[in-house]
Amino acid sequence: MNFKMILRIQSQALLTFAATLLLPIAYTIIEFGALDTTLFFAAVGGFSIITGVIFNKFGVGRFQRAPIAESAAAILIMYPLLAIFGCLPFMLTGWLSPLDALLETVGDLTSAGLSILPNDAPYLLRIWQSSLMWLGSLLFLIMLVTVLPEVSGCFGISLSLQGGQSFSAIIGQMNQMSIRVIKVYSTLTALSFGIFKLAGLGFWDALLMAMRCISTGGGDFFPARQNVYVEYAAILVMLIACGNFLLYYRVIYTMLPPRIEFNKNYRVRLRQYSQRFKRTLIDNVKFVFANEEMKVLYVTILFAMLILVFRLFSQGAFFDGNEAFRRSLFYVVSFVSTTGITLDNAAVHDFDKFFIFLMAVTGGCIGSVTGGFKIVRLIVLIKITAAEVQKTIHPRMMTAIKVGDLPVPMQTVGRILGFFFLALLTMFICAAVLSFTGATFSEAVSISIVCLSNVGILPGLCDAENFKHLSELGKIFCMMILIVGRLEIFALLIAVAGLKFKRKKSNW
């Protein structure tokens, strides 16, 4: 196994982590001017930078391609390594014990948003919590276009190619895709910040909500809960987070104005761009809504929302149509995006629990930062079932599975079926282990589901108190489930086995 490549990836992750510390440092300087707090976060950042530089020194080497086993091992090591550095503010300030701080940090980095941090914790720790959520989803997106296609591309991730992007294991092209993803993710974060600012939130609250919603981290931080505009802003941003970020990349980069060149007639080029802008905007809207996965996502959200609205009116829970519509849409979008934000602590109806559970397990698009099984895999399973029914009726019929205009190879279909089986098997094994550590049956099942789906909580089924009351062994096991759920089980299997796929020589 190439340990130099693993060290190089950990070095880049630590240096990116150090840059995230600039946000809490800026908050302490602007709001308080507290030198001791600033030095504390600066020391954590300096420690991570030094460690990253050391890893980079020992990880120097010329790599042309990313091997499968090393890639899987690198992404599995990355989250625990970052969690060790990220838990220091929670632990050293005394608000969480070392084990709880690790669990909180892993939950934030995997965008689960467990939120076991006390409600009266300082606002600065809320900022750090949001920074970890934002960083974790950014790293996941970078892996989505670089490492994960090599590790588990045949299990549905490669179906994101319908967004117009291609994957490559060549290091140079991987670096280019990483830069593009960072630009798109930062642009969408800035757009989300503007949406929350227009909804009436202050600067820091708008920034925190933008980072939490676009990263699907969620948690229990939700300022101005009674503000209708903030709720609609959260719905819009979480809906953006459900979509395929590779589609967003194409839309954003086709809408950019031309570069400024002082030696040429820039005004003419700008006039031509303005004429092209309207046509490009319409084409991009058609392109996004023509994507089958996006269409199924929107239809699913609409269908689930209408069912919840019907339940609220039929049982007399709400008499205001606007409020019933808003609450139903908020909960559906919140849990299909696996953000897991709730509006209040009121009791949840059992029928609503069922739909919330279904949305959380399904998740969003496969090119998004959401957890769950992903919409495109569900589409493939439904189509293969329909194809098998047709072949039973017409045995000589030839069928082909397509997602949009993209044909799905039968090898990928078989591996998605295997992924579905393995996901169910993993859920039952995790529930059995959690029951062994002292959790009740309902707690074990619900905790295993929320950890594997990275949804954080399920109202009426699992909340932060369930995690706080777990044994030490149970909390350690939950950290493992969170990482496995974020990266999917195949990364763990490949890393542990150290598989190297070689084509067998033919005897013919």
Foldseek 3Di string as FASTA:
>chain_A
DQVLVLLLLLLVLLLLVLVLLVVLLVCCCVPPNDPVVNVVSNVLSVVSNVSSVVSNVSSDDDDFFDFQQSLLQSLLVNLQVVLVSLLCVVPVVPQDPPLVSSLLLLLLLLLLALALRDPPDDVSVLSSSLSNLLSSLLVLLLCLQERLCSQPVLQPSVVCCLLVDDHGRTPVVSVVVSVLSVVLSVVLLVVLLVQQVVLPDDNVLSSSLSSLQLSLNAYADDPPLVRLSNLVSSLVNLLVLQDASSNSSVLVVVQDQDDDDPVDDVVVSRVVSVVVNVVSVVVSVCSRCLQQQSVVVVVVLVVQLVVQLCVCVVVVVDPDSVVSSSQSSSLLSSQLQLSQYHSDQDADDPVVLVSSLVSLQAHGDSNGSFFHLHRVLVLLVVVVVVVVVVCVVVVPDDDWDDRRPRTRDVSSSVSNVVLVVVLVVQLVVQLVVQVVQPDDNLLSNQLLSSLLRSSNARRPRGHSVSQVPTDSVNSVSSSVSNSCSSSPVSSVVCNVVVDDDDDDDDPD
